Amino acid sequence: MERQKYITRFVIVISILLFSVQLGFSQSPYRDQIYKAYSRGKMDKWYELMHSCEKNVNSNSLEEQLELISYYYGYTAWLIGAEKYDTAEEYIDKSEKIIDKLLDESPENATLLAYKGAYIAFTIGISNFKAVYLGRRSMRYIDKSIELDPENIQGNIEKGNSMYYRPSVFGGDKTKAIKYYIKAVKSFEKQGLVVSNWMYINTMTALGQAYEATDQIQLAKLCYEKIIRIFPNFMWVEDELYPDMLKRNNL
């Protein structure tokens, strides 16, 4: 099974369906179907749902615009993983226009700041040579997000992604990435944002991969088994990551 069928590294990267209140999250008409599309690797279905959300989003609702941004985020990450860079750039542009407008209105919104840093990182993912001048800019937004709200889920996810994927010579540290992924996972669980939440399961998967990358194999095994137990039809872990890890480590 090709990994590009799933939301790949930059989603482990990726986004969160974090709304301003839990009630808004539970009432989203797209959440369950987006999760099902993600869990089965059906990005054509994701695309349909995303554009339905786009057509119906209330431009006066921060909550609904954050939801749309999260869908753009997941789709952009998949496009980059599939090397569909031209289309990815279109969604980066669409997303940043919304984010910049919202930041003008709410310059200290930690979730928006984290998204801003993430979308700059997407641009680096398309053109690595841009890391020289965009890398620090991305981190300024992410660090400010965590400074304003140390418990912010999106901020911790993006900090974890940065630590995981950045080369060690530029400050990357996979062990430190684990700390931020764990913090995000705990916040999801504390806030009750677990059921049918594609970003929760994606962050759990990132944590499992980080454990494996740092040779903490038993912790990786437990993490993947938790995912399979809670989300029994998540193909990426159940059919690929977990069995491959067992085979590599003779478990």
C-alpha atoms as a PDB file:
ATOM      1  CA  MET A   1       0.000   0.000   0.000  1.00  0.00           C
ATOM      2  CA  GLU A   2       1.490   3.295  -1.046  1.00  0.00           C
ATOM      3  CA  ARG A   3       2.005   5.732   1.778  1.00  0.00           C
ATOM      4  CA  GLN A   4       0.935   8.673  -0.341  1.00  0.00           C
ATOM      5  CA  LYS A   5      -2.632   7.409  -0.020  1.00  0.00           C
ATOM      6  CA  TYR A   6      -2.653   8.821   3.444  1.00  0.00           C
ATOM      7  CA  ILE A   7      -2.026  12.187   4.998  1.00  0.00           C
ATOM      8  CA  THR A   8       1.728  11.989   5.037  1.00  0.00           C
ATOM      9  CA  ARG A   9       4.636  13.553   6.834  1.00  0.00           C
ATOM     10  CA  PHE A  10       3.443  17.123   6.964  1.00  0.00           C
ATOM     11  CA  VAL A  11       0.154  16.171   8.464  1.00  0.00           C
ATOM     12  CA  ILE A  12       2.020  14.252  11.087  1.00  0.00           C
ATOM     13  CA  VAL A  13       2.254  16.230  10.593  1.00  0.00           C
ATOM     14  CA  ILE A  14      -0.723  18.043  10.296  1.00  0.00           C
ATOM     15  CA  SER A  15      -3.911  20.302  11.354  1.00  0.00           C
ATOM     16  CA  ILE A  16      -6.586  20.019  13.938  1.00  0.00           C
ATOM     17  CA  LEU A  17     -10.327  20.250  14.021  1.00  0.00           C
ATOM     18  CA  LEU A  18     -10.034  22.408  17.102  1.00  0.00           C
ATOM     19  CA  PHE A  19     -12.952  24.729  17.514  1.00  0.00           C
ATOM     20  CA  SER A  20     -13.465  27.443  20.056  1.00  0.00           C
ATOM     21  CA  VAL A  21     -15.787  25.195  22.078  1.00  0.00           C
ATOM     22  CA  GLN A  22     -16.288  21.431  22.203  1.00  0.00           C
ATOM     23  CA  LEU A  23     -19.978  21.798  21.366  1.00  0.00           C
ATOM     24  CA  GLY A  24     -19.112  23.296  17.996  1.00  0.00           C
ATOM     25  CA  PHE A  25     -16.791  20.388  17.311  1.00  0.00           C
ATOM     26  CA  SER A  26     -19.451  17.805  18.022  1.00  0.00           C
ATOM     27  CA  GLN A  27     -22.023  19.572  15.846  1.00  0.00           C
ATOM     28  CA  SER A  28     -19.870  19.730  12.714  1.00  0.00           C
ATOM     29  CA  PRO A  29     -21.733  18.055   9.818  1.00  0.00           C
ATOM     30  CA  TYR A  30     -18.409  17.039   8.214  1.00  0.00           C
ATOM     31  CA  ARG A  31     -16.399  15.585  11.096  1.00  0.00           C
ATOM     32  CA  ASP A  32     -17.519  11.943  10.950  1.00  0.00           C
ATOM     33  CA  GLN A  33     -17.301  11.684   7.163  1.00  0.00           C
ATOM     34  CA  ILE A  34     -13.899  13.376   7.048  1.00  0.00           C
ATOM     35  CA  TYR A  35     -12.647  10.873   9.608  1.00  0.00           C
ATOM     36  CA  LYS A  36     -13.996   7.949   7.576  1.00  0.00           C
ATOM     37  CA  ALA A  37     -12.362   9.290   4.408  1.00  0.00           C
ATOM     38  CA  TYR A  38      -9.055   9.700   6.240  1.00  0.00           C
ATOM     39  CA  SER A  39      -9.134   6.290   7.897  1.00  0.00           C
ATOM     40  CA  ARG A  40      -9.699   4.551   4.552  1.00  0.00           C
ATOM     41  CA  GLY A  41      -7.299   6.725   2.548  1.00  0.00           C
ATOM     42  CA  LYS A  42     -10.097   8.074   0.322  1.00  0.00           C
ATOM     43  CA  MET A  43      -8.843  11.523  -0.572  1.00  0.00           C
ATOM     44  CA  ASP A  44     -11.377  11.887  -3.366  1.00  0.00           C
ATOM     45  CA  LYS A  45     -14.097  11.775  -0.715  1.00  0.00           C
ATOM     46  CA  TRP A  46     -12.110  14.177   1.467  1.00  0.00           C
ATOM     47  CA  TYR A  47     -11.991  16.583  -1.504  1.00  0.00           C
ATOM     48  CA  GLU A  48     -15.777  16.445  -1.929  1.00  0.00           C
ATOM     49  CA  LEU A  49     -16.434  17.091   1.754  1.00  0.00           C
ATOM     50  CA  MET A  50     -13.865  19.869   1.881  1.00  0.00           C
ATOM     51  CA  HIS A  51     -15.500  21.699  -0.980  1.00  0.00           C
ATOM     52  CA  SER A  52     -18.934  21.276   0.510  1.00  0.00           C
ATOM     53  CA  CYS A  53     -17.571  22.910   3.664  1.00  0.00           C
ATOM     54  CA  GLU A  54     -15.978  25.631   1.539  1.00  0.00           C
ATOM     55  CA  LYS A  55     -19.298  26.481  -0.124  1.00  0.00           C
ATOM     56  CA  ASN A  56     -21.215  26.609   3.136  1.00  0.00           C
ATOM     57  CA  VAL A  57     -18.702  28.174   5.514  1.00  0.00           C
ATOM     58  CA  ASN A  58     -19.877  31.258   7.390  1.00  0.00           C
ATOM     59  CA  SER A  59     -17.240  33.929   6.789  1.00  0.00           C
ATOM     60  CA  ASN A  60     -18.282  35.598  10.058  1.00  0.00           C
ATOM     61  CA  SER A  61     -17.661  32.470  12.114  1.00  0.00           C
ATOM     62  CA  LEU A  62     -14.120  31.887  13.361  1.00  0.00           C
ATOM     63  CA  GLU A  63     -15.097  28.361  14.324  1.00  0.00           C
ATOM     64  CA  GLU A  64     -16.266  27.411  10.834  1.00  0.00           C
ATOM     65  CA  GLN A  65     -13.283  29.040   9.151  1.00  0.00           C
ATOM     66  CA  LEU A  66     -10.897  27.115  11.412  1.00  0.00           C
ATOM     67  CA  GLU A  67     -12.669  23.935  10.387  1.00  0.00           C
ATOM     68  CA  LEU A  68     -12.212  24.753   6.700  1.00  0.00           C
ATOM     69  CA  ILE A  69      -8.547  25.620   7.254  1.00  0.00           C
ATOM     70  CA  SER A  70      -8.037  22.230   8.896  1.00  0.00           C
ATOM     71  CA  TYR A  71      -9.488  20.448   5.854  1.00  0.00           C
ATOM     72  CA  TYR A  72      -7.310  22.502   3.513  1.00  0.00           C
ATOM     73  CA  TYR A  73      -4.392  21.631   5.786  1.00  0.00           C
ATOM     74  CA  GLY A  74      -4.938  17.896   5.570  1.00  0.00           C
ATOM     75  CA  TYR A  75      -5.478  17.993   1.840  1.00  0.00           C
ATOM     76  CA  THR A  76      -2.416  20.163   1.226  1.00  0.00           C
ATOM     77  CA  ALA A  77      -0.283  17.746   3.224  1.00  0.00           C
ATOM     78  CA  TRP A  78      -1.518  14.847   1.113  1.00  0.00           C
ATOM     79  CA  LEU A  79      -0.835  16.779  -2.096  1.00  0.00           C
ATOM     80  CA  ILE A  80       2.735  17.439  -1.005  1.00  0.00           C
ATOM     81  CA  GLY A  81       3.223  13.779  -0.099  1.00  0.00           C
ATOM     82  CA  ALA A  82       1.890  12.839  -3.542  1.00  0.00           C
ATOM     83  CA  GLU A  83       4.220  15.446  -5.147  1.00  0.00           C
ATOM     84  CA  LYS A  84       1.285  17.389  -6.603  1.00  0.00           C
ATOM     85  CA  TYR A  85       3.046  20.632  -5.878  1.00  0.00           C
ATOM     86  CA  ASP A  86       1.159  23.001  -8.177  1.00  0.00           C
ATOM     87  CA  THR A  87      -2.179  22.123  -6.633  1.00  0.00           C
ATOM     88  CA  ALA A  88      -0.645  22.213  -3.148  1.00  0.00           C
ATOM     89  CA  GLU A  89       0.499  25.779  -3.774  1.00  0.00           C
ATOM     90  CA  GLU A  90      -3.064  26.749  -4.687  1.00  0.00           C
ATOM     91  CA  TYR A  91      -4.344  25.497  -1.354  1.00  0.00           C
ATOM     92  CA  ILE A  92      -1.503  27.109   0.549  1.00  0.00           C
ATOM     93  CA  ASP A  93      -2.470  30.414  -1.043  1.00  0.00           C
ATOM     94  CA  LYS A  94      -6.190  29.941  -0.290  1.00  0.00           C
ATOM     95  CA  SER A  95      -5.482  28.993   3.300  1.00  0.00           C
ATOM     96  CA  GLU A  96      -3.040  31.793   3.999  1.00  0.00           C
ATOM     97  CA  LYS A  97      -5.483  34.391   2.739  1.00  0.00           C
ATOM     98  CA  ILE A  98      -8.021  33.216   5.316  1.00  0.00           C
ATOM     99  CA  ILE A  99      -5.420  32.907   8.073  1.00  0.00           C
ATOM    100  CA  ASP A 100      -3.935  36.350   7.428  1.00  0.00           C
ATOM    101  CA  LYS A 101      -7.370  37.958   7.474  1.00  0.00           C
ATOM    102  CA  LEU A 102      -8.256  36.264  10.745  1.00  0.00           C
ATOM    103  CA  LEU A 103      -4.887  37.165  12.280  1.00  0.00           C
ATOM    104  CA  ASP A 104      -5.518  40.815  11.436  1.00  0.00           C
ATOM    105  CA  GLU A 105      -8.663  40.541  13.549  1.00  0.00           C
ATOM    106  CA  SER A 106      -7.181  38.271  16.267  1.00  0.00           C
ATOM    107  CA  PRO A 107      -3.371  38.674  16.229  1.00  0.00           C
ATOM    108  CA  GLU A 108      -2.887  36.659  19.410  1.00  0.00           C
ATOM    109  CA  ASN A 109      -4.987  33.638  18.514  1.00  0.00           C
ATOM    110  CA  ALA A 110      -2.622  30.753  19.279  1.00  0.00           C
ATOM    111  CA  THR A 111      -4.286  28.285  16.904  1.00  0.00           C
ATOM    112  CA  LEU A 112      -4.120  30.699  13.972  1.00  0.00           C
ATOM    113  CA  LEU A 113      -0.469  31.438  14.698  1.00  0.00           C
ATOM    114  CA  ALA A 114       0.325  27.733  14.703  1.00  0.00           C
ATOM    115  CA  TYR A 115      -1.465  27.289  11.376  1.00  0.00           C
ATOM    116  CA  LYS A 116       0.477  30.212   9.920  1.00  0.00           C
ATOM    117  CA  GLY A 117       3.755  28.575  10.908  1.00  0.00           C
ATOM    118  CA  ALA A 118       2.567  25.257   9.487  1.00  0.00           C
ATOM    119  CA  TYR A 119       1.656  26.697   6.094  1.00  0.00           C
ATOM    120  CA  ILE A 120       5.048  28.356   5.818  1.00  0.00           C
ATOM    121  CA  ALA A 121       6.514  24.902   6.526  1.00  0.00           C
ATOM    122  CA  PHE A 122       4.392  23.513   3.689  1.00  0.00           C
ATOM    123  CA  THR A 123       6.112  25.946   1.332  1.00  0.00           C
ATOM    124  CA  ILE A 124       9.466  24.641   2.544  1.00  0.00           C
ATOM    125  CA  GLY A 125       8.228  21.116   1.881  1.00  0.00           C
ATOM    126  CA  ILE A 126       7.653  22.019  -1.746  1.00  0.00           C
ATOM    127  CA  SER A 127      10.954  23.901  -2.171  1.00  0.00           C
ATOM    128  CA  ASN A 128      13.572  22.844   0.365  1.00  0.00           C
ATOM    129  CA  PHE A 129      15.978  25.624  -0.598  1.00  0.00           C
ATOM    130  CA  LYS A 130      13.494  28.091   0.885  1.00  0.00           C
ATOM    131  CA  ALA A 131      14.203  26.690   4.342  1.00  0.00           C
ATOM    132  CA  VAL A 132      17.143  29.069   4.655  1.00  0.00           C
ATOM    133  CA  TYR A 133      14.911  32.114   4.922  1.00  0.00           C
ATOM    134  CA  LEU A 134      11.489  30.637   5.729  1.00  0.00           C
ATOM    135  CA  GLY A 135      12.447  28.180   8.465  1.00  0.00           C
ATOM    136  CA  ARG A 136      12.968  30.806  11.144  1.00  0.00           C
ATOM    137  CA  ARG A 137       9.821  32.639  10.105  1.00  0.00           C
ATOM    138  CA  SER A 138       7.789  29.469  10.492  1.00  0.00           C
ATOM    139  CA  MET A 139       9.239  28.821  13.942  1.00  0.00           C
ATOM    140  CA  ARG A 140       8.525  32.366  15.115  1.00  0.00           C
ATOM    141  CA  TYR A 141       4.812  31.805  14.558  1.00  0.00           C
ATOM    142  CA  ILE A 142       4.843  28.360  16.164  1.00  0.00           C
ATOM    143  CA  ASP A 143       6.866  29.503  19.174  1.00  0.00           C
ATOM    144  CA  LYS A 144       4.601  32.512  19.662  1.00  0.00           C
ATOM    145  CA  SER A 145       1.586  30.185  19.590  1.00  0.00           C
ATOM    146  CA  ILE A 146       3.006  28.103  22.439  1.00  0.00           C
ATOM    147  CA  GLU A 147       4.173  31.192  24.320  1.00  0.00           C
ATOM    148  CA  LEU A 148       0.623  32.569  24.284  1.00  0.00           C
ATOM    149  CA  ASP A 149      -0.973  29.206  25.107  1.00  0.00           C
ATOM    150  CA  PRO A 150       1.368  26.404  26.228  1.00  0.00           C
ATOM    151  CA  GLU A 151      -1.520  23.911  26.057  1.00  0.00           C
ATOM    152  CA  ASN A 152      -2.634  24.831  22.542  1.00  0.00           C
ATOM    153  CA  ILE A 153      -3.080  21.611  20.596  1.00  0.00           C
ATOM    154  CA  GLN A 154      -2.142  22.947  17.183  1.00  0.00           C
ATOM    155  CA  GLY A 155       0.899  24.742  18.545  1.00  0.00           C
ATOM    156  CA  ASN A 156       2.204  21.567  20.169  1.00  0.00           C
ATOM    157  CA  ILE A 157       1.568  19.505  17.052  1.00  0.00           C
ATOM    158  CA  GLU A 158       3.486  21.960  14.882  1.00  0.00           C
ATOM    159  CA  LYS A 159       6.332  22.225  17.382  1.00  0.00           C
ATOM    160  CA  GLY A 160       6.527  18.437  17.403  1.00  0.00           C
ATOM    161  CA  ASN A 161       6.539  18.334  13.611  1.00  0.00           C
ATOM    162  CA  SER A 162       9.311  20.906  13.494  1.00  0.00           C
ATOM    163  CA  MET A 163      11.440  18.999  15.980  1.00  0.00           C
ATOM    164  CA  TYR A 164      10.815  15.714  14.152  1.00  0.00           C
ATOM    165  CA  TYR A 165      11.485  16.779  10.567  1.00  0.00           C
ATOM    166  CA  ARG A 166      14.103  19.496  10.981  1.00  0.00           C
ATOM    167  CA  PRO A 167      17.697  18.247  10.518  1.00  0.00           C
ATOM    168  CA  SER A 168      19.575  17.978  13.820  1.00  0.00           C
ATOM    169  CA  VAL A 169      22.165  20.501  12.624  1.00  0.00           C
ATOM    170  CA  PHE A 170      19.339  23.049  12.492  1.00  0.00           C
ATOM    171  CA  GLY A 171      17.921  22.176  15.887  1.00  0.00           C
ATOM    172  CA  GLY A 172      15.787  19.140  15.084  1.00  0.00           C
ATOM    173  CA  ASP A 173      15.406  16.575  17.855  1.00  0.00           C
ATOM    174  CA  LYS A 174      13.077  13.584  17.546  1.00  0.00           C
ATOM    175  CA  THR A 175      13.179  12.928  21.288  1.00  0.00           C
ATOM    176  CA  LYS A 176      11.947  16.455  21.971  1.00  0.00           C
ATOM    177  CA  ALA A 177       9.274  16.003  19.299  1.00  0.00           C
ATOM    178  CA  ILE A 178       7.782  13.209  21.429  1.00  0.00           C
ATOM    179  CA  LYS A 179       7.252  15.634  24.305  1.00  0.00           C
ATOM    180  CA  TYR A 180       5.119  17.918  22.151  1.00  0.00           C
ATOM    181  CA  TYR A 181       3.141  15.103  20.539  1.00  0.00           C
ATOM    182  CA  ILE A 182       2.324  13.675  23.986  1.00  0.00           C
ATOM    183  CA  LYS A 183       1.176  17.080  25.164  1.00  0.00           C
ATOM    184  CA  ALA A 184      -1.133  17.431  22.167  1.00  0.00           C
ATOM    185  CA  VAL A 185      -2.535  13.905  22.620  1.00  0.00           C
ATOM    186  CA  LYS A 186      -3.262  14.554  26.292  1.00  0.00           C
ATOM    187  CA  SER A 187      -5.023  17.806  25.434  1.00  0.00           C
ATOM    188  CA  PHE A 188      -7.205  16.035  22.859  1.00  0.00           C
ATOM    189  CA  GLU A 189      -8.188  13.476  25.468  1.00  0.00           C
ATOM    190  CA  LYS A 190      -8.711  15.990  28.267  1.00  0.00           C
ATOM    191  CA  GLN A 191     -11.012  18.076  26.061  1.00  0.00           C
ATOM    192  CA  GLY A 192     -12.939  15.057  24.803  1.00  0.00           C
ATOM    193  CA  LEU A 193     -11.820  15.576  21.206  1.00  0.00           C
ATOM    194  CA  VAL A 194     -11.158  11.922  20.395  1.00  0.00           C
ATOM    195  CA  VAL A 195     -14.140  10.225  18.756  1.00  0.00           C
ATOM    196  CA  SER A 196     -14.102  10.365  14.940  1.00  0.00           C
ATOM    197  CA  ASN A 197     -11.323  12.961  15.048  1.00  0.00           C
ATOM    198  CA  TRP A 198      -8.867  12.416  12.223  1.00  0.00           C
ATOM    199  CA  MET A 199      -6.324  14.772  13.738  1.00  0.00           C
ATOM    200  CA  TYR A 200      -6.237  12.980  17.071  1.00  0.00           C
ATOM    201  CA  ILE A 201      -5.498   9.648  15.417  1.00  0.00           C
ATOM    202  CA  ASN A 202      -2.978  11.320  13.123  1.00  0.00           C
ATOM    203  CA  THR A 203      -1.136  12.808  16.093  1.00  0.00           C
ATOM    204  CA  MET A 204      -1.167   9.418  17.815  1.00  0.00           C
ATOM    205  CA  THR A 205       0.377   7.951  14.680  1.00  0.00           C
ATOM    206  CA  ALA A 206       3.050  10.659  14.681  1.00  0.00           C
ATOM    207  CA  LEU A 207       3.833   9.758  18.275  1.00  0.00           C
ATOM    208  CA  GLY A 208       4.168   6.077  17.395  1.00  0.00           C
ATOM    209  CA  GLN A 209       6.528   6.878  14.549  1.00  0.00           C
ATOM    210  CA  ALA A 210       8.593   9.146  16.789  1.00  0.00           C
ATOM    211  CA  TYR A 211       8.911   6.384  19.379  1.00  0.00           C
ATOM    212  CA  GLU A 212      10.092   3.977  16.700  1.00  0.00           C
ATOM    213  CA  ALA A 213      12.519   6.510  15.223  1.00  0.00           C
ATOM    214  CA  THR A 214      14.137   6.916  18.649  1.00  0.00           C
ATOM    215  CA  ASP A 215      14.355   3.125  19.192  1.00  0.00           C
ATOM    216  CA  GLN A 216      11.642   3.079  21.853  1.00  0.00           C
ATOM    217  CA  ILE A 217      10.095   0.047  20.207  1.00  0.00           C
ATOM    218  CA  GLN A 218       7.891  -1.174  23.046  1.00  0.00           C
ATOM    219  CA  LEU A 219       6.360   2.301  23.419  1.00  0.00           C
ATOM    220  CA  ALA A 220       5.806   2.439  19.658  1.00  0.00           C
ATOM    221  CA  LYS A 221       4.139  -0.975  19.795  1.00  0.00           C
ATOM    222  CA  LEU A 222       1.830   0.114  22.621  1.00  0.00           C
ATOM    223  CA  CYS A 223       0.978   3.329  20.797  1.00  0.00           C
ATOM    224  CA  TYR A 224       0.055   1.532  17.566  1.00  0.00           C
ATOM    225  CA  GLU A 225      -1.955  -1.052  19.502  1.00  0.00           C
ATOM    226  CA  LYS A 226      -3.904   1.725  21.221  1.00  0.00           C
ATOM    227  CA  ILE A 227      -4.711   3.203  17.811  1.00  0.00           C
ATOM    228  CA  ILE A 228      -5.903  -0.174  16.493  1.00  0.00           C
ATOM    229  CA  ARG A 229      -8.003  -0.712  19.606  1.00  0.00           C
ATOM    230  CA  ILE A 230      -9.712   2.701  19.459  1.00  0.00           C
ATOM    231  CA  PHE A 231      -9.837   3.026  15.658  1.00  0.00           C
ATOM    232  CA  PRO A 232      -9.972  -0.575  14.343  1.00  0.00           C
ATOM    233  CA  ASN A 233     -10.266   0.323  10.648  1.00  0.00           C
ATOM    234  CA  PHE A 234      -7.409   2.824  10.340  1.00  0.00           C
ATOM    235  CA  MET A 235      -5.634   1.305   7.360  1.00  0.00           C
ATOM    236  CA  TRP A 236      -2.311   3.155   7.581  1.00  0.00           C
ATOM    237  CA  VAL A 237      -1.484   1.763  11.017  1.00  0.00           C
ATOM    238  CA  GLU A 238      -3.337  -1.546  10.870  1.00  0.00           C
ATOM    239  CA  ASP A 239      -2.136  -2.615   7.403  1.00  0.00           C
ATOM    240  CA  GLU A 240       1.223  -0.884   7.130  1.00  0.00           C
ATOM    241  CA  LEU A 241       2.961   0.809  10.057  1.00  0.00           C
ATOM    242  CA  TYR A 242       2.224  -1.743  12.776  1.00  0.00           C
ATOM    243  CA  PRO A 243       2.971  -4.969  10.861  1.00  0.00           C
ATOM    244  CA  ASP A 244       6.074  -3.412   9.279  1.00  0.00           C
ATOM    245  CA  MET A 245       7.367  -2.412  12.721  1.00  0.00           C
ATOM    246  CA  LEU A 246       6.795  -5.930  14.061  1.00  0.00           C
ATOM    247  CA  LYS A 247       8.658  -7.432  11.118  1.00  0.00           C
ATOM    248  CA  ARG A 248      11.608  -5.018  11.358  1.00  0.00           C
ATOM    249  CA  ASN A 249      12.035  -5.715  15.059  1.00  0.00           C
ATOM    250  CA  ASN A 250      11.263  -9.450  15.023  1.00  0.00           C
ATOM    251  CA  LEU A 251       8.322  -9.036  17.375  1.00  0.00           C
END
